[in-house]
C-alpha atoms as a PDB file:
ATOM      1  CA  UNK A   1     -57.159-182.351 227.199  1.00  0.00           C
ATOM      2  CA  UNK A   2     -55.205-180.158 229.578  1.00  0.00           C
ATOM      3  CA  UNK A   3     -52.205-181.631 231.341  1.00  0.00           C
ATOM      4  CA  UNK A   4     -52.388-181.651 235.102  1.00  0.00           C
ATOM      5  CA  UNK A   5     -49.503-181.705 237.525  1.00  0.00           C
ATOM      6  CA  UNK A   6     -49.680-182.789 241.147  1.00  0.00           C
ATOM      7  CA  UNK A   7     -47.042-181.986 243.704  1.00  0.00           C
ATOM      8  CA  UNK A   8     -45.961-184.808 245.977  1.00  0.00           C
ATOM      9  CA  UNK A   9     -47.677-184.734 249.321  1.00  0.00           C
ATOM     10  CA  UNK A  10     -50.704-182.727 248.166  1.00  0.00           C
ATOM     11  CA  UNK A  11     -53.850-183.682 250.082  1.00  0.00           C
ATOM     12  CA  UNK A  12     -57.204-183.292 248.384  1.00  0.00           C
ATOM     13  CA  UNK A  13     -60.161-182.314 250.565  1.00  0.00           C
ATOM     14  CA  UNK A  14     -62.381-185.197 249.447  1.00  0.00           C
ATOM     15  CA  UNK A  15     -62.607-188.222 247.177  1.00  0.00           C
ATOM     16  CA  UNK A  16     -64.836-186.226 244.830  1.00  0.00           C
ATOM     17  CA  UNK A  17     -62.309-183.394 244.483  1.00  0.00           C
ATOM     18  CA  UNK A  18     -59.515-185.775 243.473  1.00  0.00           C
ATOM     19  CA  UNK A  19     -61.843-187.703 241.124  1.00  0.00           C
ATOM     20  CA  UNK A  20     -62.841-184.407 239.478  1.00  0.00           C
ATOM     21  CA  UNK A  21     -59.159-183.489 239.142  1.00  0.00           C
ATOM     22  CA  UNK A  22     -58.180-186.834 237.604  1.00  0.00           C
ATOM     23  CA  UNK A  23     -61.143-187.103 235.225  1.00  0.00           C
ATOM     24  CA  UNK A  24     -61.502-183.406 234.395  1.00  0.00           C
ATOM     25  CA  UNK A  25     -65.226-183.240 235.136  1.00  0.00           C
ATOM     26  CA  UNK A  26     -67.522-183.405 238.152  1.00  0.00           C
ATOM     27  CA  UNK A  27     -68.269-186.872 239.573  1.00  0.00           C
ATOM     28  CA  UNK A  28     -69.090-188.489 242.887  1.00  0.00           C
ATOM     29  CA  UNK A  29     -65.796-189.734 244.290  1.00  0.00           C
ATOM     30  CA  UNK A  30     -67.427-192.290 246.555  1.00  0.00           C
ATOM     31  CA  UNK A  31     -69.181-193.839 243.547  1.00  0.00           C
ATOM     32  CA  UNK A  32     -66.227-193.494 241.145  1.00  0.00           C
ATOM     33  CA  UNK A  33     -63.257-194.834 243.120  1.00  0.00           C
ATOM     34  CA  UNK A  34     -63.090-198.616 243.203  1.00  0.00           C
ATOM     35  CA  UNK A  35     -60.852-201.106 244.998  1.00  0.00           C
ATOM     36  CA  UNK A  36     -59.154-203.963 243.143  1.00  0.00           C
ATOM     37  CA  UNK A  37     -62.100-206.215 244.031  1.00  0.00           C
ATOM     38  CA  UNK A  38     -64.548-203.838 242.287  1.00  0.00           C
ATOM     39  CA  UNK A  39     -66.179-202.412 245.421  1.00  0.00           C
ATOM     40  CA  UNK A  40     -66.784-198.670 245.350  1.00  0.00           C
ATOM     41  CA  UNK A  41     -65.454-196.411 248.094  1.00  0.00           C
ATOM     42  CA  UNK A  42     -69.055-195.895 249.236  1.00  0.00           C
ATOM     43  CA  UNK A  43     -69.573-199.660 249.593  1.00  0.00           C
ATOM     44  CA  UNK A  44     -66.348-199.945 251.596  1.00  0.00           C
ATOM     45  CA  UNK A  45     -67.314-197.029 253.843  1.00  0.00           C
ATOM     46  CA  UNK A  46     -70.796-198.477 254.387  1.00  0.00           C
ATOM     47  CA  UNK A  47     -69.432-201.916 255.265  1.00  0.00           C
ATOM     48  CA  UNK A  48     -67.175-200.388 257.926  1.00  0.00           C
ATOM     49  CA  UNK A  49     -70.021-198.512 259.630  1.00  0.00           C
ATOM     50  CA  UNK A  50     -72.327-201.550 259.926  1.00  0.00           C
END
């Protein structure tokens, strides 16, 4: 696996881009990122728009 280095203060353009960077392959960030309670980012976003 290649080592990756992130500079402090770098902003990724989307949750999917940072998930791809961290995991090293393409994924849906909104389905991959989870809060401590187990809810996905998509579930959190959906609950805030209702």
